[in-house]
């Protein structure tokens, strides 16, 4: 999946993933959605954001949790 709206710059916000280089982190957007904010609420309070930014932030967060662990078999 291509996350063209998500950027991470070492000198900006300690390298945390942000939306299009703005000082709005993916974490902030995900926490707002988790707190029950609608896309319209978020865009109203953060006018630099677009609905597509919010959607991609959620997709990015979901993809970042897609981690698989495999158990090694014990030798006899």
Protein backbone atom coordinates (compact mmCIF):
# COMPACT_ATOMS: atom_id res chain seq x y z
CA UNK A 1 0.00 0.00 0.00
CA UNK A 2 1.28 3.44 -0.90
CA UNK A 3 1.05 6.05 1.85
CA UNK A 4 1.67 9.19 -0.18
CA UNK A 5 0.07 11.47 2.43
CA UNK A 6 2.17 10.18 5.35
CA UNK A 7 5.61 11.66 5.88
CA UNK A 8 8.29 11.23 8.52
CA UNK A 9 11.09 13.76 8.77
CA UNK A 10 13.88 13.29 11.34
CA UNK A 11 13.93 17.01 12.20
CA UNK A 12 10.18 17.39 12.55
CA UNK A 13 8.32 16.09 15.61
CA UNK A 14 11.14 13.65 16.37
CA UNK A 15 10.52 11.76 13.14
CA UNK A 16 7.00 10.71 14.06
CA UNK A 17 4.70 10.04 11.08
CA UNK A 18 2.78 13.17 10.12
CA UNK A 19 0.18 14.12 7.57
CA UNK A 20 1.71 15.68 4.42
CA UNK A 21 4.58 17.25 6.38
CA UNK A 22 2.19 19.22 8.57
CA UNK A 23 2.71 19.28 12.30
CA UNK A 24 -0.26 16.97 12.73
CA UNK A 25 0.74 13.42 13.59
CA UNK A 26 -0.95 10.22 12.51
CA UNK A 27 -1.25 9.48 16.23
CA UNK A 28 -3.26 12.67 16.81
CA UNK A 29 -5.70 11.82 14.03
CA UNK A 30 -6.15 8.22 15.20
CA UNK A 31 -6.72 9.35 18.79
CA UNK A 32 -9.36 11.86 17.66
CA UNK A 33 -11.22 9.17 15.74
CA UNK A 34 -10.93 6.80 18.71
CA UNK A 35 -12.40 9.52 20.93
CA UNK A 36 -15.46 9.64 18.71
CA UNK A 37 -14.69 12.64 16.51
CA UNK A 38 -16.22 12.46 13.04
CA UNK A 39 -14.22 13.26 9.92
CA UNK A 40 -16.21 16.51 9.70
CA UNK A 41 -15.31 17.41 13.30
CA UNK A 42 -11.62 16.84 12.63
CA UNK A 43 -11.58 18.83 9.38
CA UNK A 44 -13.44 21.64 11.13
CA UNK A 45 -10.86 21.89 13.92
CA UNK A 46 -7.86 21.14 11.67
CA UNK A 47 -8.67 22.97 8.40
CA UNK A 48 -5.34 21.97 6.81
CA UNK A 49 -6.49 18.34 6.86
CA UNK A 50 -8.55 16.69 4.16
CA UNK A 51 -10.87 13.71 4.55
CA UNK A 52 -8.40 11.65 2.49
CA UNK A 53 -5.67 12.48 5.05
CA UNK A 54 -7.78 11.07 7.87
CA UNK A 55 -8.59 7.92 5.91
CA UNK A 56 -4.95 7.34 5.07
CA UNK A 57 -3.87 7.96 8.68
CA UNK A 58 -6.24 5.19 9.78
CA UNK A 59 -4.99 2.87 7.04
CA UNK A 60 -1.38 3.61 8.04
CA UNK A 61 -2.13 2.88 11.70
CA UNK A 62 -3.81 -0.40 10.77
CA UNK A 63 -0.91 -1.42 8.54
CA UNK A 64 1.60 -0.63 11.28
CA UNK A 65 -0.07 -3.17 13.56
CA UNK A 66 0.07 -5.92 10.96
CA UNK A 67 2.88 -7.84 12.63
CA UNK A 68 3.19 -11.61 12.64
CA UNK A 69 5.19 -13.67 15.07
CA UNK A 70 6.15 -17.21 14.31
CA UNK A 71 7.08 -19.74 16.95
CA UNK A 72 10.09 -21.85 16.21
CA UNK A 73 9.61 -25.54 16.67
CA UNK A 74 11.41 -27.09 19.57
CA UNK A 75 13.98 -29.70 18.54
CA UNK A 76 13.50 -33.17 19.92
